[in-house]
Amino acid sequence: MEKYKGLENIVENIKYNEPMKMHTTMKVGGPCDCLVEPTSIEEIKAVLEYAKENNIEYYVIGNGSNLLVKDEGIRALVIKLASKFSKLEVDGEYITACAGCSVPRLSQEAKNKSLSGLEFACGIPGSVGGAIRMNAGAYGSEMVNVVEKVGYLNEKGELVEITGEQAEFSYRHSMFVEHPEYVVVYAKYKLTLGNIDEISSKMEENMTSRKTKQPLEYPNFGSVFKRPEGYFVGKLVEDSGLKGYSIGGAQVSTKHSGFMINTGDATCKDVLDLIEYIKKVVYENFNVMLHEEVVVLGGK
């Protein structure tokens, strides 16, 4: 596309009219105008500078595990920080991982070095950048408990390093939600030396629980809604009679009502319509308003 002429001189991994369903775990979504996959902080900075100079709207994504892209697609540049930008280094009880590193890989590398603290994350399907942004968590722990430092590019393209405390973590939230112009590029984790057999056992226990309770055999994007204080989403949805309820190819999982699956031919509209219907019925039954975890892009 003429609008993106010159990008090929900055980054090698570039695609035009790329179907975004190939880049989200829910497997729905229309095409984006242009998708690039930088391999270094320098490339990311160069792409951001290019977008700014040419007045090009852009979005930064990771593994797409908490992402919905509308059927109309994204009329913008998508910067994907995933496998192409996933370097990881271990230094004693510290692990530093680039934003594109997958969270399961991070957890496995910690185990291999007998480092404890990331057992909870072994099955989280996202990337480090996404996990930092939303303070991802499972099994009673969250990123806030192990993050020492976060490196990000600010609106000027400058590399800034902050402490975990400065990242303002809270339940499924961080300062990066409020500042989408900031791009997380790495995170440094402080772990503790442990027993590899005990670490492995805990991870196996977590993975068994995940496989038993979650619909991993279908495309999904994890928990649909944030947990309301004092309630469990799955129970609210199930007690509302919505277990297995479907709109088009989008269905409330019969294995866990807090999850939604793509049965094979779902559109983003199916998913969004089902989300709104669930919110409506749960509110009518229990006077509890559910709020989505998933991020929705596109449609312009």
C-alpha atoms as a PDB file:
ATOM      1  CA  MET A   1       0.000   0.000   0.000  1.00  0.00           C
ATOM      2  CA  GLU A   2       1.249   3.432  -0.942  1.00  0.00           C
ATOM      3  CA  LYS A   3       0.481   4.807   2.531  1.00  0.00           C
ATOM      4  CA  TYR A   4       3.042   2.481   4.072  1.00  0.00           C
ATOM      5  CA  LYS A   5       5.752   2.923   1.475  1.00  0.00           C
ATOM      6  CA  GLY A   6       9.105   3.014   3.182  1.00  0.00           C
ATOM      7  CA  LEU A   7       8.246   0.664   6.037  1.00  0.00           C
ATOM      8  CA  GLU A   8      10.034  -2.153   4.223  1.00  0.00           C
ATOM      9  CA  ASN A   9      13.252  -0.207   4.757  1.00  0.00           C
ATOM     10  CA  ILE A  10      12.699  -0.316   8.514  1.00  0.00           C
ATOM     11  CA  VAL A  11      11.376  -3.778   9.272  1.00  0.00           C
ATOM     12  CA  GLU A  12      11.705  -7.016   7.313  1.00  0.00           C
ATOM     13  CA  ASN A  13       8.626  -8.775   8.653  1.00  0.00           C
ATOM     14  CA  ILE A  14       5.759  -6.924   7.014  1.00  0.00           C
ATOM     15  CA  LYS A  15       2.370  -8.033   5.658  1.00  0.00           C
ATOM     16  CA  TYR A  16      -0.471  -6.145   3.961  1.00  0.00           C
ATOM     17  CA  ASN A  17      -4.208  -6.886   4.295  1.00  0.00           C
ATOM     18  CA  GLU A  18      -3.343  -9.474   6.904  1.00  0.00           C
ATOM     19  CA  PRO A  19      -6.367 -11.384   8.347  1.00  0.00           C
ATOM     20  CA  MET A  20      -6.331 -10.632  12.067  1.00  0.00           C
ATOM     21  CA  LYS A  21      -8.074 -13.913  12.871  1.00  0.00           C
ATOM     22  CA  MET A  22      -4.622 -15.401  12.281  1.00  0.00           C
ATOM     23  CA  HIS A  23      -3.296 -13.312  15.166  1.00  0.00           C
ATOM     24  CA  THR A  24      -5.959 -13.765  17.859  1.00  0.00           C
ATOM     25  CA  THR A  25      -6.661 -16.871  19.912  1.00  0.00           C
ATOM     26  CA  MET A  26     -10.419 -16.456  19.331  1.00  0.00           C
ATOM     27  CA  LYS A  27      -9.757 -16.748  15.579  1.00  0.00           C
ATOM     28  CA  VAL A  28     -12.093 -13.960  14.493  1.00  0.00           C
ATOM     29  CA  GLY A  29     -11.531 -10.572  12.901  1.00  0.00           C
ATOM     30  CA  GLY A  30     -11.113  -8.881   9.536  1.00  0.00           C
ATOM     31  CA  PRO A  31      -7.836  -7.731   7.954  1.00  0.00           C
ATOM     32  CA  CYS A  32      -5.574  -4.922   9.065  1.00  0.00           C
ATOM     33  CA  ASP A  33      -4.046  -2.570   6.503  1.00  0.00           C
ATOM     34  CA  CYS A  34      -0.512  -3.473   7.477  1.00  0.00           C
ATOM     35  CA  LEU A  35       1.105  -5.703  10.097  1.00  0.00           C
ATOM     36  CA  VAL A  36       4.766  -5.564  11.097  1.00  0.00           C
ATOM     37  CA  GLU A  37       6.761  -7.714  13.499  1.00  0.00           C
ATOM     38  CA  PRO A  38       9.838  -5.884  14.796  1.00  0.00           C
ATOM     39  CA  THR A  39      12.748  -7.918  16.129  1.00  0.00           C
ATOM     40  CA  SER A  40      14.426  -5.342  18.392  1.00  0.00           C
ATOM     41  CA  ILE A  41      13.777  -2.236  20.471  1.00  0.00           C
ATOM     42  CA  GLU A  42      15.531  -0.215  17.772  1.00  0.00           C
ATOM     43  CA  GLU A  43      13.116  -1.499  15.119  1.00  0.00           C
ATOM     44  CA  ILE A  44      10.146  -0.772  17.340  1.00  0.00           C
ATOM     45  CA  LYS A  45      11.370   2.776  17.889  1.00  0.00           C
ATOM     46  CA  ALA A  46      11.911   3.238  14.145  1.00  0.00           C
ATOM     47  CA  VAL A  47       8.401   1.948  13.309  1.00  0.00           C
ATOM     48  CA  LEU A  48       6.827   4.233  15.925  1.00  0.00           C
ATOM     49  CA  GLU A  49       8.772   7.204  14.580  1.00  0.00           C
ATOM     50  CA  TYR A  50       7.691   6.353  11.021  1.00  0.00           C
ATOM     51  CA  ALA A  51       4.027   6.155  12.094  1.00  0.00           C
ATOM     52  CA  LYS A  52       4.272   9.470  13.905  1.00  0.00           C
ATOM     53  CA  GLU A  53       5.996  11.274  11.022  1.00  0.00           C
ATOM     54  CA  ASN A  54       3.440   9.979   8.518  1.00  0.00           C
ATOM     55  CA  ASN A  55       0.405  10.489  10.770  1.00  0.00           C
ATOM     56  CA  ILE A  56      -0.415   6.768  10.696  1.00  0.00           C
ATOM     57  CA  GLU A  57      -2.631   5.311  13.388  1.00  0.00           C
ATOM     58  CA  TYR A  58      -1.194   2.180  14.984  1.00  0.00           C
ATOM     59  CA  TYR A  59      -1.972  -0.506  17.536  1.00  0.00           C
ATOM     60  CA  VAL A  60       0.466  -2.705  19.436  1.00  0.00           C
ATOM     61  CA  ILE A  61      -0.521  -6.325  20.088  1.00  0.00           C
ATOM     62  CA  GLY A  62       1.094  -9.442  21.487  1.00  0.00           C
ATOM     63  CA  ASN A  63      -0.161 -13.017  21.088  1.00  0.00           C
ATOM     64  CA  GLY A  64      -3.765 -11.832  20.734  1.00  0.00           C
ATOM     65  CA  SER A  65      -4.988 -13.945  23.658  1.00  0.00           C
ATOM     66  CA  ASN A  66      -7.095 -11.144  25.132  1.00  0.00           C
ATOM     67  CA  LEU A  67      -8.031  -9.468  21.874  1.00  0.00           C
ATOM     68  CA  LEU A  68     -11.045  -9.189  19.607  1.00  0.00           C
ATOM     69  CA  VAL A  69     -10.790  -7.580  16.179  1.00  0.00           C
ATOM     70  CA  LYS A  70     -14.008  -6.478  14.523  1.00  0.00           C
ATOM     71  CA  ASP A  71     -15.151  -8.093  11.288  1.00  0.00           C
ATOM     72  CA  GLU A  72     -14.459  -4.893   9.345  1.00  0.00           C
ATOM     73  CA  GLY A  73     -10.816  -5.183  10.297  1.00  0.00           C
ATOM     74  CA  ILE A  74      -8.394  -2.459  11.329  1.00  0.00           C
ATOM     75  CA  ARG A  75      -7.721   0.517   9.084  1.00  0.00           C
ATOM     76  CA  ALA A  76      -4.366   1.103  10.703  1.00  0.00           C
ATOM     77  CA  LEU A  77      -0.875  -0.260  11.267  1.00  0.00           C
ATOM     78  CA  VAL A  78      -0.578  -3.204  13.652  1.00  0.00           C
ATOM     79  CA  ILE A  79       2.733  -3.696  15.442  1.00  0.00           C
ATOM     80  CA  LYS A  80       2.937  -7.268  16.690  1.00  0.00           C
ATOM     81  CA  LEU A  81       5.379  -8.020  19.483  1.00  0.00           C
ATOM     82  CA  ALA A  82       5.430 -11.791  19.704  1.00  0.00           C
ATOM     83  CA  SER A  83       7.817 -14.563  18.646  1.00  0.00           C
ATOM     84  CA  LYS A  84      10.033 -12.232  16.588  1.00  0.00           C
ATOM     85  CA  PHE A  85      10.753 -10.181  19.720  1.00  0.00           C
ATOM     86  CA  SER A  86      11.052 -12.731  22.494  1.00  0.00           C
ATOM     87  CA  LYS A  87      14.604 -12.774  23.844  1.00  0.00           C
ATOM     88  CA  LEU A  88      14.941 -13.983  27.439  1.00  0.00           C
ATOM     89  CA  GLU A  89      17.903 -13.819  29.832  1.00  0.00           C
ATOM     90  CA  VAL A  90      18.432 -15.369  33.267  1.00  0.00           C
ATOM     91  CA  ASP A  91      20.773 -13.779  35.814  1.00  0.00           C
ATOM     92  CA  GLY A  92      20.739 -15.483  39.203  1.00  0.00           C
ATOM     93  CA  GLU A  93      17.248 -15.050  40.633  1.00  0.00           C
ATOM     94  CA  TYR A  94      16.277 -12.525  37.952  1.00  0.00           C
ATOM     95  CA  ILE A  95      14.751 -13.136  34.531  1.00  0.00           C
ATOM     96  CA  THR A  96      14.479 -10.386  31.927  1.00  0.00           C
ATOM     97  CA  ALA A  97      12.135 -11.107  29.014  1.00  0.00           C
ATOM     98  CA  CYS A  98      11.250  -9.074  25.942  1.00  0.00           C
ATOM     99  CA  ALA A  99       7.589  -8.160  25.501  1.00  0.00           C
ATOM    100  CA  GLY A 100       6.995 -10.767  22.818  1.00  0.00           C
ATOM    101  CA  CYS A 101       8.142 -13.701  24.930  1.00  0.00           C
ATOM    102  CA  SER A 102       5.257 -16.047  25.663  1.00  0.00           C
ATOM    103  CA  VAL A 103       4.266 -16.322  29.310  1.00  0.00           C
ATOM    104  CA  PRO A 104       4.328 -20.173  29.279  1.00  0.00           C
ATOM    105  CA  ARG A 105       7.910 -20.055  27.950  1.00  0.00           C
ATOM    106  CA  LEU A 106       8.849 -17.586  30.691  1.00  0.00           C
ATOM    107  CA  SER A 107       7.370 -19.901  33.308  1.00  0.00           C
ATOM    108  CA  GLN A 108       9.160 -22.944  31.871  1.00  0.00           C
ATOM    109  CA  GLU A 109      12.517 -21.157  31.777  1.00  0.00           C
ATOM    110  CA  ALA A 110      12.057 -20.205  35.430  1.00  0.00           C
ATOM    111  CA  LYS A 111      11.367 -23.840  36.312  1.00  0.00           C
ATOM    112  CA  ASN A 112      14.424 -25.010  34.356  1.00  0.00           C
ATOM    113  CA  LYS A 113      16.564 -22.732  36.531  1.00  0.00           C
ATOM    114  CA  SER A 114      14.806 -23.902  39.740  1.00  0.00           C
ATOM    115  CA  LEU A 115      13.281 -20.442  40.171  1.00  0.00           C
ATOM    116  CA  SER A 116       9.931 -20.195  41.939  1.00  0.00           C
ATOM    117  CA  GLY A 117       7.287 -17.501  41.593  1.00  0.00           C
ATOM    118  CA  LEU A 118       5.933 -18.014  38.092  1.00  0.00           C
ATOM    119  CA  GLU A 119       4.217 -21.378  38.562  1.00  0.00           C
ATOM    120  CA  PHE A 120       0.843 -19.628  38.348  1.00  0.00           C
ATOM    121  CA  ALA A 121       1.658 -18.383  34.847  1.00  0.00           C
ATOM    122  CA  CYS A 122       2.475 -21.693  33.158  1.00  0.00           C
ATOM    123  CA  GLY A 123      -0.818 -21.836  31.251  1.00  0.00           C
ATOM    124  CA  ILE A 124      -1.466 -18.163  30.564  1.00  0.00           C
ATOM    125  CA  PRO A 125      -1.463 -18.001  26.732  1.00  0.00           C
ATOM    126  CA  GLY A 126      -0.420 -14.357  26.334  1.00  0.00           C
ATOM    127  CA  SER A 127       2.867 -12.530  25.903  1.00  0.00           C
ATOM    128  CA  VAL A 128       4.941 -10.737  28.530  1.00  0.00           C
ATOM    129  CA  GLY A 129       3.871  -7.315  27.236  1.00  0.00           C
ATOM    130  CA  GLY A 130       0.188  -8.165  27.427  1.00  0.00           C
ATOM    131  CA  ALA A 131       0.589  -9.809  30.823  1.00  0.00           C
ATOM    132  CA  ILE A 132       2.227  -6.657  32.176  1.00  0.00           C
ATOM    133  CA  ARG A 133      -0.439  -4.401  30.696  1.00  0.00           C
ATOM    134  CA  MET A 134      -3.305  -6.283  32.330  1.00  0.00           C
ATOM    135  CA  ASN A 135      -1.463  -7.615  35.399  1.00  0.00           C
ATOM    136  CA  ALA A 136      -2.317 -11.152  34.322  1.00  0.00           C
ATOM    137  CA  GLY A 137      -2.926 -13.666  37.043  1.00  0.00           C
ATOM    138  CA  ALA A 138      -4.149 -17.131  37.932  1.00  0.00           C
ATOM    139  CA  TYR A 139      -4.325 -19.482  40.918  1.00  0.00           C
ATOM    140  CA  GLY A 140      -4.058 -16.725  43.492  1.00  0.00           C
ATOM    141  CA  SER A 141      -1.069 -14.859  42.107  1.00  0.00           C
ATOM    142  CA  GLU A 142      -0.447 -12.027  39.635  1.00  0.00           C
ATOM    143  CA  MET A 143       2.389 -10.352  37.757  1.00  0.00           C
ATOM    144  CA  VAL A 144       2.544  -7.638  40.423  1.00  0.00           C
ATOM    145  CA  ASN A 145       3.973 -10.214  42.838  1.00  0.00           C
ATOM    146  CA  VAL A 146       7.076 -10.965  40.747  1.00  0.00           C
ATOM    147  CA  VAL A 147       7.755  -7.929  38.529  1.00  0.00           C
ATOM    148  CA  GLU A 148      10.868  -5.984  39.541  1.00  0.00           C
ATOM    149  CA  LYS A 149      11.217  -3.589  36.581  1.00  0.00           C
ATOM    150  CA  VAL A 150       9.352  -2.703  33.395  1.00  0.00           C
ATOM    151  CA  GLY A 151      10.930  -1.079  30.351  1.00  0.00           C
ATOM    152  CA  TYR A 152       8.754   0.848  27.932  1.00  0.00           C
ATOM    153  CA  LEU A 153       8.939   3.378  25.119  1.00  0.00           C
ATOM    154  CA  ASN A 154       7.145   6.616  25.943  1.00  0.00           C
ATOM    155  CA  GLU A 155       5.292   8.932  23.539  1.00  0.00           C
ATOM    156  CA  LYS A 156       8.636  10.440  22.462  1.00  0.00           C
ATOM    157  CA  GLY A 157      10.141   7.049  21.676  1.00  0.00           C
ATOM    158  CA  GLU A 158      12.422   7.233  24.706  1.00  0.00           C
ATOM    159  CA  LEU A 159      13.216   4.069  26.646  1.00  0.00           C
ATOM    160  CA  VAL A 160      12.030   4.417  30.243  1.00  0.00           C
ATOM    161  CA  GLU A 161      12.543   1.905  33.055  1.00  0.00           C
ATOM    162  CA  ILE A 162      10.262   1.896  36.100  1.00  0.00           C
ATOM    163  CA  THR A 163       9.783  -0.295  39.145  1.00  0.00           C
ATOM    164  CA  GLY A 164       6.912  -2.713  39.517  1.00  0.00           C
ATOM    165  CA  GLU A 165       5.406  -0.368  42.076  1.00  0.00           C
ATOM    166  CA  GLN A 166       5.523   2.539  39.639  1.00  0.00           C
ATOM    167  CA  ALA A 167       3.615   0.440  37.091  1.00  0.00           C
ATOM    168  CA  GLU A 168       0.533   0.955  39.284  1.00  0.00           C
ATOM    169  CA  PHE A 169      -0.668  -2.620  39.123  1.00  0.00           C
ATOM    170  CA  SER A 170      -4.139  -3.471  40.335  1.00  0.00           C
ATOM    171  CA  TYR A 171      -6.670  -6.161  39.444  1.00  0.00           C
ATOM    172  CA  ARG A 172      -6.294  -6.751  35.670  1.00  0.00           C
ATOM    173  CA  HIS A 173      -4.915  -3.253  35.301  1.00  0.00           C
ATOM    174  CA  SER A 174      -1.726  -1.190  35.125  1.00  0.00           C
ATOM    175  CA  MET A 175      -0.669   2.314  34.108  1.00  0.00           C
ATOM    176  CA  PHE A 176      -0.314   1.015  30.546  1.00  0.00           C
ATOM    177  CA  VAL A 177      -4.081   0.685  30.212  1.00  0.00           C
ATOM    178  CA  GLU A 178      -4.336   4.419  30.845  1.00  0.00           C
ATOM    179  CA  HIS A 179      -1.418   5.181  28.516  1.00  0.00           C
ATOM    180  CA  PRO A 180      -1.863   3.207  25.273  1.00  0.00           C
ATOM    181  CA  GLU A 181       0.827   5.391  23.699  1.00  0.00           C
ATOM    182  CA  TYR A 182       3.390   3.635  25.915  1.00  0.00           C
ATOM    183  CA  VAL A 183       4.851   0.416  24.487  1.00  0.00           C
ATOM    184  CA  VAL A 184       6.083  -2.201  26.954  1.00  0.00           C
ATOM    185  CA  VAL A 185       9.316  -3.694  25.593  1.00  0.00           C
ATOM    186  CA  TYR A 186      10.622  -5.803  28.467  1.00  0.00           C
ATOM    187  CA  ALA A 187      10.024  -6.876  32.046  1.00  0.00           C
ATOM    188  CA  LYS A 188      12.441  -7.999  34.730  1.00  0.00           C
ATOM    189  CA  TYR A 189      11.211 -10.555  37.257  1.00  0.00           C
ATOM    190  CA  LYS A 190      12.548 -11.201  40.760  1.00  0.00           C
ATOM    191  CA  LEU A 191      12.082 -14.857  41.675  1.00  0.00           C
ATOM    192  CA  THR A 192      13.295 -17.124  44.468  1.00  0.00           C
ATOM    193  CA  LEU A 193      15.482 -20.222  44.301  1.00  0.00           C
ATOM    194  CA  GLY A 194      13.375 -23.298  44.909  1.00  0.00           C
ATOM    195  CA  ASN A 195      13.177 -27.044  44.405  1.00  0.00           C
ATOM    196  CA  ILE A 196      12.693 -27.966  40.749  1.00  0.00           C
ATOM    197  CA  ASP A 197      10.579 -31.026  41.603  1.00  0.00           C
ATOM    198  CA  GLU A 198       8.231 -28.948  43.752  1.00  0.00           C
ATOM    199  CA  ILE A 199       8.027 -26.256  41.081  1.00  0.00           C
ATOM    200  CA  SER A 200       7.290 -28.866  38.392  1.00  0.00           C
ATOM    201  CA  SER A 201       4.639 -30.498  40.566  1.00  0.00           C
ATOM    202  CA  LYS A 202       2.851 -27.190  41.134  1.00  0.00           C
ATOM    203  CA  MET A 203       2.937 -26.354  37.424  1.00  0.00           C
ATOM    204  CA  GLU A 204       1.573 -29.783  36.521  1.00  0.00           C
ATOM    205  CA  GLU A 205      -1.199 -29.308  39.069  1.00  0.00           C
ATOM    206  CA  ASN A 206      -2.075 -25.914  37.575  1.00  0.00           C
ATOM    207  CA  MET A 207      -2.037 -27.238  34.013  1.00  0.00           C
ATOM    208  CA  THR A 208      -4.210 -30.228  34.933  1.00  0.00           C
ATOM    209  CA  SER A 209      -6.722 -27.877  36.537  1.00  0.00           C
ATOM    210  CA  ARG A 210      -6.662 -25.630  33.478  1.00  0.00           C
ATOM    211  CA  LYS A 211      -7.186 -28.510  31.038  1.00  0.00           C
ATOM    212  CA  THR A 212      -9.979 -29.977  33.158  1.00  0.00           C
ATOM    213  CA  LYS A 213     -11.886 -26.744  33.720  1.00  0.00           C
ATOM    214  CA  GLN A 214     -11.208 -24.654  30.627  1.00  0.00           C
ATOM    215  CA  PRO A 215     -12.243 -25.200  26.987  1.00  0.00           C
ATOM    216  CA  LEU A 216      -8.702 -25.337  25.583  1.00  0.00           C
ATOM    217  CA  GLU A 217      -9.827 -27.542  22.705  1.00  0.00           C
ATOM    218  CA  TYR A 218     -11.667 -24.579  21.131  1.00  0.00           C
ATOM    219  CA  PRO A 219     -10.518 -21.109  20.109  1.00  0.00           C
ATOM    220  CA  ASN A 220     -11.161 -18.748  23.032  1.00  0.00           C
ATOM    221  CA  PHE A 221      -9.674 -15.651  24.655  1.00  0.00           C
ATOM    222  CA  GLY A 222      -9.594 -16.740  28.266  1.00  0.00           C
ATOM    223  CA  SER A 223     -11.852 -15.205  30.870  1.00  0.00           C
ATOM    224  CA  VAL A 224     -14.421 -12.988  29.194  1.00  0.00           C
ATOM    225  CA  PHE A 225     -15.237 -10.822  32.201  1.00  0.00           C
ATOM    226  CA  LYS A 226     -13.425  -9.428  35.214  1.00  0.00           C
ATOM    227  CA  ARG A 227     -14.474 -10.993  38.479  1.00  0.00           C
ATOM    228  CA  PRO A 228     -17.037  -8.819  40.309  1.00  0.00           C
ATOM    229  CA  GLU A 229     -16.229  -8.417  43.986  1.00  0.00           C
ATOM    230  CA  GLY A 230     -17.952 -11.132  45.971  1.00  0.00           C
ATOM    231  CA  TYR A 231     -18.986 -13.194  42.943  1.00  0.00           C
ATOM    232  CA  PHE A 232     -17.690 -15.758  40.455  1.00  0.00           C
ATOM    233  CA  VAL A 233     -18.466 -14.982  36.835  1.00  0.00           C
ATOM    234  CA  GLY A 234     -18.935 -18.597  35.784  1.00  0.00           C
ATOM    235  CA  LYS A 235     -21.537 -19.209  38.485  1.00  0.00           C
ATOM    236  CA  LEU A 236     -23.409 -15.994  37.670  1.00  0.00           C
ATOM    237  CA  VAL A 237     -23.588 -16.964  34.002  1.00  0.00           C
ATOM    238  CA  GLU A 238     -24.503 -20.593  34.680  1.00  0.00           C
ATOM    239  CA  ASP A 239     -27.137 -19.659  37.263  1.00  0.00           C
ATOM    240  CA  SER A 240     -28.611 -17.322  34.648  1.00  0.00           C
ATOM    241  CA  GLY A 241     -29.254 -20.368  32.470  1.00  0.00           C
ATOM    242  CA  LEU A 242     -26.677 -19.400  29.874  1.00  0.00           C
ATOM    243  CA  LYS A 243     -24.305 -22.365  29.989  1.00  0.00           C
ATOM    244  CA  GLY A 244     -23.977 -23.530  26.376  1.00  0.00           C
ATOM    245  CA  TYR A 245     -25.986 -20.562  25.066  1.00  0.00           C
ATOM    246  CA  SER A 246     -24.867 -19.487  21.622  1.00  0.00           C
ATOM    247  CA  ILE A 247     -25.255 -16.718  19.089  1.00  0.00           C
ATOM    248  CA  GLY A 248     -24.008 -17.745  15.674  1.00  0.00           C
ATOM    249  CA  GLY A 249     -20.674 -19.495  16.133  1.00  0.00           C
ATOM    250  CA  ALA A 250     -20.007 -17.944  19.548  1.00  0.00           C
ATOM    251  CA  GLN A 251     -20.971 -20.063  22.530  1.00  0.00           C
ATOM    252  CA  VAL A 252     -20.765 -19.936  26.314  1.00  0.00           C
ATOM    253  CA  SER A 253     -18.538 -22.892  27.145  1.00  0.00           C
ATOM    254  CA  THR A 254     -20.277 -25.974  28.503  1.00  0.00           C
ATOM    255  CA  LYS A 255     -17.095 -26.740  30.447  1.00  0.00           C
ATOM    256  CA  HIS A 256     -16.753 -23.358  32.193  1.00  0.00           C
ATOM    257  CA  SER A 257     -19.417 -20.661  31.886  1.00  0.00           C
ATOM    258  CA  GLY A 258     -16.862 -17.913  32.460  1.00  0.00           C
ATOM    259  CA  PHE A 259     -15.404 -18.718  29.041  1.00  0.00           C
ATOM    260  CA  MET A 260     -16.663 -18.203  25.522  1.00  0.00           C
ATOM    261  CA  ILE A 261     -15.624 -20.331  22.551  1.00  0.00           C
ATOM    262  CA  ASN A 262     -15.601 -20.145  18.779  1.00  0.00           C
ATOM    263  CA  THR A 263     -17.340 -23.320  17.649  1.00  0.00           C
ATOM    264  CA  GLY A 264     -15.824 -22.937  14.198  1.00  0.00           C
ATOM    265  CA  ASP A 265     -17.434 -20.134  12.230  1.00  0.00           C
ATOM    266  CA  ALA A 266     -17.977 -17.320  14.719  1.00  0.00           C
ATOM    267  CA  THR A 267     -17.756 -13.705  13.645  1.00  0.00           C
ATOM    268  CA  CYS A 268     -16.648 -10.904  15.911  1.00  0.00           C
ATOM    269  CA  LYS A 269     -20.240  -9.642  15.834  1.00  0.00           C
ATOM    270  CA  ASP A 270     -21.426 -13.014  17.186  1.00  0.00           C
ATOM    271  CA  VAL A 271     -18.957 -12.719  20.049  1.00  0.00           C
ATOM    272  CA  LEU A 272     -19.831  -9.111  20.882  1.00  0.00           C
ATOM    273  CA  ASP A 273     -23.566  -9.813  20.683  1.00  0.00           C
ATOM    274  CA  LEU A 274     -23.153 -12.756  23.056  1.00  0.00           C
ATOM    275  CA  ILE A 275     -21.119 -10.639  25.480  1.00  0.00           C
ATOM    276  CA  GLU A 276     -23.840  -7.984  25.577  1.00  0.00           C
ATOM    277  CA  TYR A 277     -26.567 -10.591  26.004  1.00  0.00           C
ATOM    278  CA  ILE A 278     -24.744 -12.203  28.924  1.00  0.00           C
ATOM    279  CA  LYS A 279     -24.275  -8.816  30.602  1.00  0.00           C
ATOM    280  CA  LYS A 280     -27.970  -8.029  30.177  1.00  0.00           C
ATOM    281  CA  VAL A 281     -29.257 -11.356  31.535  1.00  0.00           C
ATOM    282  CA  VAL A 282     -26.838 -11.471  34.488  1.00  0.00           C
ATOM    283  CA  TYR A 283     -27.778  -7.923  35.465  1.00  0.00           C
ATOM    284  CA  GLU A 284     -31.487  -8.722  35.242  1.00  0.00           C
ATOM    285  CA  ASN A 285     -31.055 -11.818  37.414  1.00  0.00           C
ATOM    286  CA  PHE A 286     -28.523 -10.668  39.989  1.00  0.00           C
ATOM    287  CA  ASN A 287     -28.221  -6.878  39.657  1.00  0.00           C
ATOM    288  CA  VAL A 288     -24.492  -7.368  38.926  1.00  0.00           C
ATOM    289  CA  MET A 289     -22.904  -5.539  36.004  1.00  0.00           C
ATOM    290  CA  LEU A 290     -20.138  -7.514  34.329  1.00  0.00           C
ATOM    291  CA  HIS A 291     -17.173  -5.762  32.740  1.00  0.00           C
ATOM    292  CA  GLU A 292     -15.109  -7.256  29.942  1.00  0.00           C
ATOM    293  CA  GLU A 293     -11.440  -8.181  30.189  1.00  0.00           C
ATOM    294  CA  VAL A 294     -11.095  -8.507  26.426  1.00  0.00           C
ATOM    295  CA  VAL A 295      -9.827  -5.595  24.304  1.00  0.00           C
ATOM    296  CA  VAL A 296     -11.743  -4.766  21.109  1.00  0.00           C
ATOM    297  CA  LEU A 297     -10.035  -3.140  18.121  1.00  0.00           C
ATOM    298  CA  GLY A 298     -11.078  -2.033  14.658  1.00  0.00           C
ATOM    299  CA  GLY A 299     -14.330  -1.344  12.937  1.00  0.00           C
ATOM    300  CA  LYS A 300     -13.383   2.017  11.488  1.00  0.00           C
END
